[in-house]
Amino acid sequence: RFGGTEREDSLAYYLATSYYKQGDFMTSAYMFDNFRKRFPRSVFAEDVTYMHALSYYYSSPDPEYDQTTTLQAMVAIHEYLERYPTSKERSNLNEKLDELQQKLYDKSYMNAKVYYKIGEYKAAVTAISNAVDKYPKSNHREELLYLVARSQYNLARNSIDSKKTDRYLDVMDRCYSFLGEYPESKYAKESHKMLAEAKEFIAEQKLDTSTAIVVQENENHFQQQAAKAEQALKEAQAEAQKAKEAKKQARKEKKNSKNENK
């Protein structure tokens, strides 16, 4: 009845908004998207783009489930922020982006751990490594890198003799990488144990010259990195102590100043 009239976009806007207000977010997402295509110059365009993004946000499921909607929400929010960079909702939407990104981190983490839990260590090495590569800034990175090393270690221990040497070499590489990045990790003790066992096994093998050189180079590099990390930690502790002493001295001087004024 109102098609082609000046009221058409208003009615379409209110209808889509009614679904949004009732919590039928997948329907409202569809209707808001359709609105944007039909009425790109409408006075409701910004509100529609905003509620379109939030419709997907509220439809985003827990990390246990498929995250297609989460990705759609992130795309929609980025689109809104690019189109309306001065929006008052910018801070709020950036927080929602962080929340959605965390769901992707959690989903990737949960999927990667499945193979480790069921004892499929070869598949676990691949799956967990892929998760780390896909989301290098994930807050699960430390645990995932440890699980890669642990999976490689379990795989090496249960391997046939002909494959043990190569796999224990991989254990050394994984442990070096983990300890180089997280020397103070709660998993450091276990990682050092795995590394020691791998090194002990490799020391008993007759390696070809080129492999022996690579192993020694890796060992030297790790020792250098460990020394740098230890030095950096000492410097950080010294700076923290210095700052603490400075604050203590400032409080003391402030107290003395108050006493003098009295």
C-alpha atoms as a PDB file:
ATOM      1  CA  ARG A   1       0.000   0.000   0.000  1.00  0.00           C
ATOM      2  CA  PHE A   2       2.790   2.452   0.828  1.00  0.00           C
ATOM      3  CA  GLY A   3       5.301   1.190  -1.742  1.00  0.00           C
ATOM      4  CA  GLY A   4       6.890   4.028  -3.671  1.00  0.00           C
ATOM      5  CA  THR A   5       5.618   6.663  -1.246  1.00  0.00           C
ATOM      6  CA  GLU A   6       7.631   8.938   1.055  1.00  0.00           C
ATOM      7  CA  ARG A   7       6.583   6.790   3.991  1.00  0.00           C
ATOM      8  CA  GLU A   8       7.970   3.553   2.593  1.00  0.00           C
ATOM      9  CA  ASP A   9      11.414   3.776   4.240  1.00  0.00           C
ATOM     10  CA  SER A  10       9.887   4.902   7.562  1.00  0.00           C
ATOM     11  CA  LEU A  11       7.573   1.903   7.670  1.00  0.00           C
ATOM     12  CA  ALA A  12      10.365  -0.476   6.654  1.00  0.00           C
ATOM     13  CA  TYR A  13      12.543   1.011   9.385  1.00  0.00           C
ATOM     14  CA  TYR A  14       9.902   0.654  12.110  1.00  0.00           C
ATOM     15  CA  LEU A  15       9.028  -2.876  11.031  1.00  0.00           C
ATOM     16  CA  ALA A  16      12.655  -4.020  11.150  1.00  0.00           C
ATOM     17  CA  THR A  17      13.131  -2.227  14.470  1.00  0.00           C
ATOM     18  CA  SER A  18      10.101  -3.997  15.937  1.00  0.00           C
ATOM     19  CA  TYR A  19      11.729  -7.376  15.254  1.00  0.00           C
ATOM     20  CA  TYR A  20      14.946  -6.066  16.792  1.00  0.00           C
ATOM     21  CA  LYS A  21      13.136  -4.862  19.942  1.00  0.00           C
ATOM     22  CA  GLN A  22      11.424  -8.231  20.309  1.00  0.00           C
ATOM     23  CA  GLY A  23      14.751 -10.036  20.208  1.00  0.00           C
ATOM     24  CA  ASP A  24      14.254 -11.719  16.836  1.00  0.00           C
ATOM     25  CA  PHE A  25      17.736 -10.689  15.784  1.00  0.00           C
ATOM     26  CA  MET A  26      18.251 -12.911  12.753  1.00  0.00           C
ATOM     27  CA  THR A  27      15.044 -11.544  11.205  1.00  0.00           C
ATOM     28  CA  SER A  28      15.999  -7.968  12.061  1.00  0.00           C
ATOM     29  CA  ALA A  29      19.494  -8.518  10.619  1.00  0.00           C
ATOM     30  CA  TYR A  30      17.943  -9.657   7.334  1.00  0.00           C
ATOM     31  CA  MET A  31      15.464  -6.754   7.274  1.00  0.00           C
ATOM     32  CA  PHE A  32      18.047  -4.107   8.156  1.00  0.00           C
ATOM     33  CA  ASP A  33      20.369  -5.447   5.454  1.00  0.00           C
ATOM     34  CA  ASN A  34      17.519  -5.307   2.943  1.00  0.00           C
ATOM     35  CA  PHE A  35      16.720  -1.761   4.080  1.00  0.00           C
ATOM     36  CA  ARG A  36      20.298  -0.623   3.435  1.00  0.00           C
ATOM     37  CA  LYS A  37      20.156  -1.909  -0.100  1.00  0.00           C
ATOM     38  CA  ARG A  38      16.780  -0.332  -0.865  1.00  0.00           C
ATOM     39  CA  PHE A  39      17.224   2.994   0.936  1.00  0.00           C
ATOM     40  CA  PRO A  40      20.952   3.855   1.043  1.00  0.00           C
ATOM     41  CA  ARG A  41      20.239   7.611   1.427  1.00  0.00           C
ATOM     42  CA  SER A  42      17.527   7.344   4.053  1.00  0.00           C
ATOM     43  CA  VAL A  43      17.690   9.503   7.174  1.00  0.00           C
ATOM     44  CA  PHE A  44      17.570   6.216   9.090  1.00  0.00           C
ATOM     45  CA  ALA A  45      20.701   4.863   7.374  1.00  0.00           C
ATOM     46  CA  GLU A  46      23.057   5.258  10.354  1.00  0.00           C
ATOM     47  CA  ASP A  47      20.604   3.765  12.853  1.00  0.00           C
ATOM     48  CA  VAL A  48      19.915   0.890  10.508  1.00  0.00           C
ATOM     49  CA  THR A  49      23.602   0.150   9.977  1.00  0.00           C
ATOM     50  CA  TYR A  50      24.132   0.232  13.733  1.00  0.00           C
ATOM     51  CA  MET A  51      21.226  -2.076  14.568  1.00  0.00           C
ATOM     52  CA  HIS A  52      22.171  -4.367  11.677  1.00  0.00           C
ATOM     53  CA  ALA A  53      25.576  -4.865  13.330  1.00  0.00           C
ATOM     54  CA  LEU A  54      24.046  -5.368  16.776  1.00  0.00           C
ATOM     55  CA  SER A  55      21.537  -7.868  15.408  1.00  0.00           C
ATOM     56  CA  TYR A  56      24.416 -10.117  14.428  1.00  0.00           C
ATOM     57  CA  TYR A  57      26.215  -9.361  17.701  1.00  0.00           C
ATOM     58  CA  TYR A  58      23.252 -10.507  19.798  1.00  0.00           C
ATOM     59  CA  SER A  59      22.872 -13.583  17.576  1.00  0.00           C
ATOM     60  CA  SER A  60      26.478 -14.633  18.120  1.00  0.00           C
ATOM     61  CA  PRO A  61      26.517 -18.000  19.958  1.00  0.00           C
ATOM     62  CA  ASP A  62      28.804 -19.302  22.696  1.00  0.00           C
ATOM     63  CA  PRO A  63      32.281 -20.490  21.578  1.00  0.00           C
ATOM     64  CA  GLU A  64      31.142 -24.141  21.639  1.00  0.00           C
ATOM     65  CA  TYR A  65      29.025 -23.555  18.550  1.00  0.00           C
ATOM     66  CA  ASP A  66      29.610 -22.504  14.945  1.00  0.00           C
ATOM     67  CA  GLN A  67      30.985 -18.964  14.801  1.00  0.00           C
ATOM     68  CA  THR A  68      29.731 -17.890  11.365  1.00  0.00           C
ATOM     69  CA  THR A  69      27.406 -15.333  12.953  1.00  0.00           C
ATOM     70  CA  THR A  70      30.260 -14.013  15.085  1.00  0.00           C
ATOM     71  CA  LEU A  71      32.266 -13.316  11.933  1.00  0.00           C
ATOM     72  CA  GLN A  72      29.238 -11.620  10.347  1.00  0.00           C
ATOM     73  CA  ALA A  73      28.894  -9.433  13.439  1.00  0.00           C
ATOM     74  CA  MET A  74      32.542  -8.393  13.269  1.00  0.00           C
ATOM     75  CA  VAL A  75      32.272  -7.525   9.581  1.00  0.00           C
ATOM     76  CA  ALA A  76      29.082  -5.511  10.211  1.00  0.00           C
ATOM     77  CA  ILE A  77      30.613  -3.604  13.136  1.00  0.00           C
ATOM     78  CA  HIS A  78      33.759  -2.778  11.147  1.00  0.00           C
ATOM     79  CA  GLU A  79      31.564  -1.559   8.304  1.00  0.00           C
ATOM     80  CA  TYR A  80      29.645   0.733  10.656  1.00  0.00           C
ATOM     81  CA  LEU A  81      32.835   2.142  12.202  1.00  0.00           C
ATOM     82  CA  GLU A  82      34.354   2.809   8.806  1.00  0.00           C
ATOM     83  CA  ARG A  83      31.215   4.528   7.561  1.00  0.00           C
ATOM     84  CA  TYR A  84      30.629   6.538  10.762  1.00  0.00           C
ATOM     85  CA  PRO A  85      34.090   7.092  12.317  1.00  0.00           C
ATOM     86  CA  THR A  86      32.919   9.884  14.658  1.00  0.00           C
ATOM     87  CA  SER A  87      29.980   7.936  16.068  1.00  0.00           C
ATOM     88  CA  LYS A  88      29.409   8.164  19.829  1.00  0.00           C
ATOM     89  CA  GLU A  89      29.013   4.380  19.782  1.00  0.00           C
ATOM     90  CA  ARG A  90      32.605   3.828  18.672  1.00  0.00           C
ATOM     91  CA  SER A  91      33.995   2.925  22.100  1.00  0.00           C
ATOM     92  CA  ASN A  92      31.076   0.625  22.864  1.00  0.00           C
ATOM     93  CA  LEU A  93      31.406  -1.180  19.535  1.00  0.00           C
ATOM     94  CA  ASN A  94      35.154  -1.598  19.922  1.00  0.00           C
ATOM     95  CA  GLU A  95      34.491  -3.371  23.219  1.00  0.00           C
ATOM     96  CA  LYS A  96      32.027  -5.638  21.442  1.00  0.00           C
ATOM     97  CA  LEU A  97      34.635  -6.382  18.779  1.00  0.00           C
ATOM     98  CA  ASP A  98      37.040  -7.469  21.500  1.00  0.00           C
ATOM     99  CA  GLU A  99      34.348  -9.712  22.958  1.00  0.00           C
ATOM    100  CA  LEU A 100      33.622 -11.281  19.572  1.00  0.00           C
ATOM    101  CA  GLN A 101      37.321 -11.747  18.858  1.00  0.00           C
ATOM    102  CA  GLN A 102      37.672 -13.568  22.170  1.00  0.00           C
ATOM    103  CA  LYS A 103      34.968 -16.000  21.072  1.00  0.00           C
ATOM    104  CA  LEU A 104      37.024 -16.822  17.989  1.00  0.00           C
ATOM    105  CA  TYR A 105      40.105 -17.331  20.156  1.00  0.00           C
ATOM    106  CA  ASP A 106      38.154 -19.619  22.470  1.00  0.00           C
ATOM    107  CA  LYS A 107      36.619 -21.595  19.608  1.00  0.00           C
ATOM    108  CA  SER A 108      39.999 -22.128  17.951  1.00  0.00           C
ATOM    109  CA  TYR A 109      41.524 -23.129  21.296  1.00  0.00           C
ATOM    110  CA  MET A 110      38.767 -25.656  22.029  1.00  0.00           C
ATOM    111  CA  ASN A 111      38.968 -27.206  18.561  1.00  0.00           C
ATOM    112  CA  ALA A 112      42.750 -27.476  18.695  1.00  0.00           C
ATOM    113  CA  LYS A 113      42.700 -29.274  22.067  1.00  0.00           C
ATOM    114  CA  VAL A 114      40.313 -31.988  20.889  1.00  0.00           C
ATOM    115  CA  TYR A 115      43.033 -34.084  19.224  1.00  0.00           C
ATOM    116  CA  TYR A 116      45.304 -33.734  22.247  1.00  0.00           C
ATOM    117  CA  LYS A 117      42.543 -34.896  24.596  1.00  0.00           C
ATOM    118  CA  ILE A 118      41.833 -38.048  22.591  1.00  0.00           C
ATOM    119  CA  GLY A 119      45.522 -38.893  22.221  1.00  0.00           C
ATOM    120  CA  GLU A 120      45.863 -38.206  18.495  1.00  0.00           C
ATOM    121  CA  TYR A 121      49.170 -36.435  18.982  1.00  0.00           C
ATOM    122  CA  LYS A 122      50.284 -36.202  15.361  1.00  0.00           C
ATOM    123  CA  ALA A 123      47.002 -34.520  14.433  1.00  0.00           C
ATOM    124  CA  ALA A 124      47.228 -32.419  17.596  1.00  0.00           C
ATOM    125  CA  VAL A 125      50.595 -30.963  16.544  1.00  0.00           C
ATOM    126  CA  THR A 126      49.112 -29.859  13.234  1.00  0.00           C
ATOM    127  CA  ALA A 127      45.805 -28.578  14.647  1.00  0.00           C
ATOM    128  CA  ILE A 128      47.357 -26.648  17.528  1.00  0.00           C
ATOM    129  CA  SER A 129      50.100 -25.180  15.324  1.00  0.00           C
ATOM    130  CA  ASN A 130      47.428 -23.991  12.882  1.00  0.00           C
ATOM    131  CA  ALA A 131      45.488 -22.378  15.744  1.00  0.00           C
ATOM    132  CA  VAL A 132      48.606 -20.507  16.888  1.00  0.00           C
ATOM    133  CA  ASP A 133      49.378 -19.340  13.341  1.00  0.00           C
ATOM    134  CA  LYS A 134      45.802 -18.228  12.726  1.00  0.00           C
ATOM    135  CA  TYR A 135      45.492 -16.214  15.947  1.00  0.00           C
ATOM    136  CA  PRO A 136      49.018 -15.222  17.064  1.00  0.00           C
ATOM    137  CA  LYS A 137      47.625 -12.700  19.581  1.00  0.00           C
ATOM    138  CA  SER A 138      45.307 -15.177  21.282  1.00  0.00           C
ATOM    139  CA  ASN A 139      45.353 -15.163  25.080  1.00  0.00           C
ATOM    140  CA  HIS A 140      45.604 -18.971  24.827  1.00  0.00           C
ATOM    141  CA  ARG A 141      48.927 -18.774  22.979  1.00  0.00           C
ATOM    142  CA  GLU A 142      51.112 -19.808  25.917  1.00  0.00           C
ATOM    143  CA  GLU A 143      49.131 -22.958  26.671  1.00  0.00           C
ATOM    144  CA  LEU A 144      48.800 -23.861  22.998  1.00  0.00           C
ATOM    145  CA  LEU A 145      52.548 -23.602  22.390  1.00  0.00           C
ATOM    146  CA  TYR A 146      53.132 -25.817  25.397  1.00  0.00           C
ATOM    147  CA  LEU A 147      50.574 -28.348  24.133  1.00  0.00           C
ATOM    148  CA  VAL A 148      52.343 -28.454  20.754  1.00  0.00           C
ATOM    149  CA  ALA A 149      55.578 -29.367  22.543  1.00  0.00           C
ATOM    150  CA  ARG A 150      53.784 -31.868  24.780  1.00  0.00           C
ATOM    151  CA  SER A 151      52.013 -33.462  21.810  1.00  0.00           C
ATOM    152  CA  GLN A 152      55.289 -33.750  19.927  1.00  0.00           C
ATOM    153  CA  TYR A 153      56.909 -35.272  23.012  1.00  0.00           C
ATOM    154  CA  ASN A 154      54.130 -37.842  23.469  1.00  0.00           C
ATOM    155  CA  LEU A 155      54.315 -38.660  19.771  1.00  0.00           C
ATOM    156  CA  ALA A 156      58.091 -39.185  19.955  1.00  0.00           C
ATOM    157  CA  ARG A 157      57.889 -41.419  23.016  1.00  0.00           C
ATOM    158  CA  ASN A 158      55.321 -43.683  21.366  1.00  0.00           C
ATOM    159  CA  SER A 159      57.014 -43.799  17.964  1.00  0.00           C
ATOM    160  CA  ILE A 160      58.708 -46.735  16.352  1.00  0.00           C
ATOM    161  CA  ASP A 161      62.528 -46.645  16.620  1.00  0.00           C
ATOM    162  CA  SER A 162      63.063 -45.504  13.037  1.00  0.00           C
ATOM    163  CA  LYS A 163      61.069 -42.299  13.646  1.00  0.00           C
ATOM    164  CA  LYS A 164      62.186 -41.427  17.156  1.00  0.00           C
ATOM    165  CA  THR A 165      65.286 -39.442  16.230  1.00  0.00           C
ATOM    166  CA  ASP A 166      63.468 -37.019  13.924  1.00  0.00           C
ATOM    167  CA  ARG A 167      60.592 -36.645  16.342  1.00  0.00           C
ATOM    168  CA  TYR A 168      62.802 -36.009  19.352  1.00  0.00           C
ATOM    169  CA  LEU A 169      64.591 -33.364  17.297  1.00  0.00           C
ATOM    170  CA  ASP A 170      61.175 -31.791  16.741  1.00  0.00           C
ATOM    171  CA  VAL A 171      60.564 -31.962  20.499  1.00  0.00           C
ATOM    172  CA  MET A 172      63.748 -29.966  21.048  1.00  0.00           C
ATOM    173  CA  ASP A 173      62.671 -27.361  18.501  1.00  0.00           C
ATOM    174  CA  ARG A 174      59.230 -27.028  20.090  1.00  0.00           C
ATOM    175  CA  CYS A 175      60.622 -26.752  23.612  1.00  0.00           C
ATOM    176  CA  TYR A 176      63.243 -24.219  22.555  1.00  0.00           C
ATOM    177  CA  SER A 177      60.557 -22.099  20.893  1.00  0.00           C
ATOM    178  CA  PHE A 178      58.259 -22.275  23.905  1.00  0.00           C
ATOM    179  CA  LEU A 179      60.911 -21.557  26.520  1.00  0.00           C
ATOM    180  CA  GLY A 180      62.381 -18.788  24.412  1.00  0.00           C
ATOM    181  CA  GLU A 181      59.014 -17.013  24.363  1.00  0.00           C
ATOM    182  CA  TYR A 182      57.809 -17.919  27.869  1.00  0.00           C
ATOM    183  CA  PRO A 183      60.865 -18.571  30.066  1.00  0.00           C
ATOM    184  CA  GLU A 184      58.901 -17.877  33.261  1.00  0.00           C
ATOM    185  CA  SER A 185      55.817 -19.898  32.278  1.00  0.00           C
ATOM    186  CA  LYS A 186      54.085 -22.216  34.725  1.00  0.00           C
ATOM    187  CA  TYR A 187      54.763 -24.882  32.079  1.00  0.00           C
ATOM    188  CA  ALA A 188      58.507 -24.133  32.020  1.00  0.00           C
ATOM    189  CA  LYS A 189      59.426 -26.898  34.470  1.00  0.00           C
ATOM    190  CA  GLU A 190      57.649 -29.582  32.422  1.00  0.00           C
ATOM    191  CA  SER A 191      59.107 -28.170  29.218  1.00  0.00           C
ATOM    192  CA  HIS A 192      62.633 -28.390  30.608  1.00  0.00           C
ATOM    193  CA  LYS A 193      61.996 -32.019  31.559  1.00  0.00           C
ATOM    194  CA  MET A 194      60.831 -32.857  28.040  1.00  0.00           C
ATOM    195  CA  LEU A 195      63.778 -30.979  26.574  1.00  0.00           C
ATOM    196  CA  ALA A 196      66.244 -32.833  28.816  1.00  0.00           C
ATOM    197  CA  GLU A 197      64.811 -36.214  27.830  1.00  0.00           C
ATOM    198  CA  ALA A 198      64.923 -35.313  24.138  1.00  0.00           C
ATOM    199  CA  LYS A 199      68.531 -34.090  24.420  1.00  0.00           C
ATOM    200  CA  GLU A 200      69.523 -37.251  26.270  1.00  0.00           C
ATOM    201  CA  PHE A 201      68.009 -39.418  23.547  1.00  0.00           C
ATOM    202  CA  ILE A 202      69.616 -37.410  20.732  1.00  0.00           C
ATOM    203  CA  ALA A 203      73.017 -37.521  22.467  1.00  0.00           C
ATOM    204  CA  GLU A 204      72.935 -41.306  22.206  1.00  0.00           C
ATOM    205  CA  GLN A 205      72.274 -41.270  18.468  1.00  0.00           C
ATOM    206  CA  LYS A 206      74.778 -41.128  15.655  1.00  0.00           C
ATOM    207  CA  LEU A 207      73.727 -37.994  13.843  1.00  0.00           C
ATOM    208  CA  ASP A 208      75.075 -36.972  10.456  1.00  0.00           C
ATOM    209  CA  THR A 209      77.368 -33.949  10.538  1.00  0.00           C
ATOM    210  CA  SER A 210      74.875 -31.420   9.163  1.00  0.00           C
ATOM    211  CA  THR A 211      72.160 -32.428  11.640  1.00  0.00           C
ATOM    212  CA  ALA A 212      74.611 -32.335  14.546  1.00  0.00           C
ATOM    213  CA  ILE A 213      75.637 -28.808  13.550  1.00  0.00           C
ATOM    214  CA  VAL A 214      72.003 -27.638  13.406  1.00  0.00           C
ATOM    215  CA  VAL A 215      71.301 -29.181  16.821  1.00  0.00           C
ATOM    216  CA  GLN A 216      74.321 -27.415  18.331  1.00  0.00           C
ATOM    217  CA  GLU A 217      73.374 -24.109  16.706  1.00  0.00           C
ATOM    218  CA  ASN A 218      69.872 -24.388  18.134  1.00  0.00           C
ATOM    219  CA  GLU A 219      71.299 -25.142  21.570  1.00  0.00           C
ATOM    220  CA  ASN A 220      73.646 -22.148  21.383  1.00  0.00           C
ATOM    221  CA  HIS A 221      70.825 -19.865  20.216  1.00  0.00           C
ATOM    222  CA  PHE A 222      68.570 -21.037  23.027  1.00  0.00           C
ATOM    223  CA  GLN A 223      71.271 -20.433  25.643  1.00  0.00           C
ATOM    224  CA  GLN A 224      71.832 -16.933  24.279  1.00  0.00           C
ATOM    225  CA  GLN A 225      68.096 -16.186  24.346  1.00  0.00           C
ATOM    226  CA  ALA A 226      67.826 -17.580  27.862  1.00  0.00           C
ATOM    227  CA  ALA A 227      70.697 -15.365  29.013  1.00  0.00           C
ATOM    228  CA  LYS A 228      69.054 -12.303  27.429  1.00  0.00           C
ATOM    229  CA  ALA A 229      65.711 -13.144  29.025  1.00  0.00           C
ATOM    230  CA  GLU A 230      67.342 -13.546  32.437  1.00  0.00           C
ATOM    231  CA  GLN A 231      69.161 -10.226  32.039  1.00  0.00           C
ATOM    232  CA  ALA A 232      65.959  -8.493  30.944  1.00  0.00           C
ATOM    233  CA  LEU A 233      64.150  -9.906  33.976  1.00  0.00           C
ATOM    234  CA  LYS A 234      66.862  -8.657  36.320  1.00  0.00           C
ATOM    235  CA  GLU A 235      66.729  -5.204  34.736  1.00  0.00           C
ATOM    236  CA  ALA A 236      62.932  -5.108  35.025  1.00  0.00           C
ATOM    237  CA  GLN A 237      63.131  -6.115  38.687  1.00  0.00           C
ATOM    238  CA  ALA A 238      65.770  -3.462  39.321  1.00  0.00           C
ATOM    239  CA  GLU A 239      63.612  -0.803  37.650  1.00  0.00           C
ATOM    240  CA  ALA A 240      60.596  -1.882  39.684  1.00  0.00           C
ATOM    241  CA  GLN A 241      62.629  -1.697  42.901  1.00  0.00           C
ATOM    242  CA  LYS A 242      63.975   1.720  41.905  1.00  0.00           C
ATOM    243  CA  ALA A 243      60.443   3.004  41.254  1.00  0.00           C
ATOM    244  CA  LYS A 244      59.300   1.590  44.579  1.00  0.00           C
ATOM    245  CA  GLU A 245      62.128   3.347  46.420  1.00  0.00           C
ATOM    246  CA  ALA A 246      61.355   6.608  44.610  1.00  0.00           C
ATOM    247  CA  LYS A 247      57.702   6.455  45.685  1.00  0.00           C
ATOM    248  CA  LYS A 248      58.748   5.666  49.230  1.00  0.00           C
ATOM    249  CA  GLN A 249      61.138   8.646  49.247  1.00  0.00           C
ATOM    250  CA  ALA A 250      58.451  10.930  47.787  1.00  0.00           C
ATOM    251  CA  ARG A 251      55.996   9.931  50.526  1.00  0.00           C
ATOM    252  CA  LYS A 252      58.672  10.527  53.154  1.00  0.00           C
ATOM    253  CA  GLU A 253      59.476  14.004  51.785  1.00  0.00           C
ATOM    254  CA  LYS A 254      55.772  14.864  51.609  1.00  0.00           C
ATOM    255  CA  LYS A 255      55.321  13.830  55.222  1.00  0.00           C
ATOM    256  CA  ASN A 256      58.327  15.872  56.334  1.00  0.00           C
ATOM    257  CA  SER A 257      57.008  18.880  54.446  1.00  0.00           C
ATOM    258  CA  LYS A 258      53.660  18.646  56.234  1.00  0.00           C
ATOM    259  CA  ASN A 259      55.398  18.456  59.592  1.00  0.00           C
ATOM    260  CA  GLU A 260      57.486  21.551  58.802  1.00  0.00           C
ATOM    261  CA  ASN A 261      54.351  23.507  57.848  1.00  0.00           C
ATOM    262  CA  LYS A 262      52.777  22.633  61.177  1.00  0.00           C
END
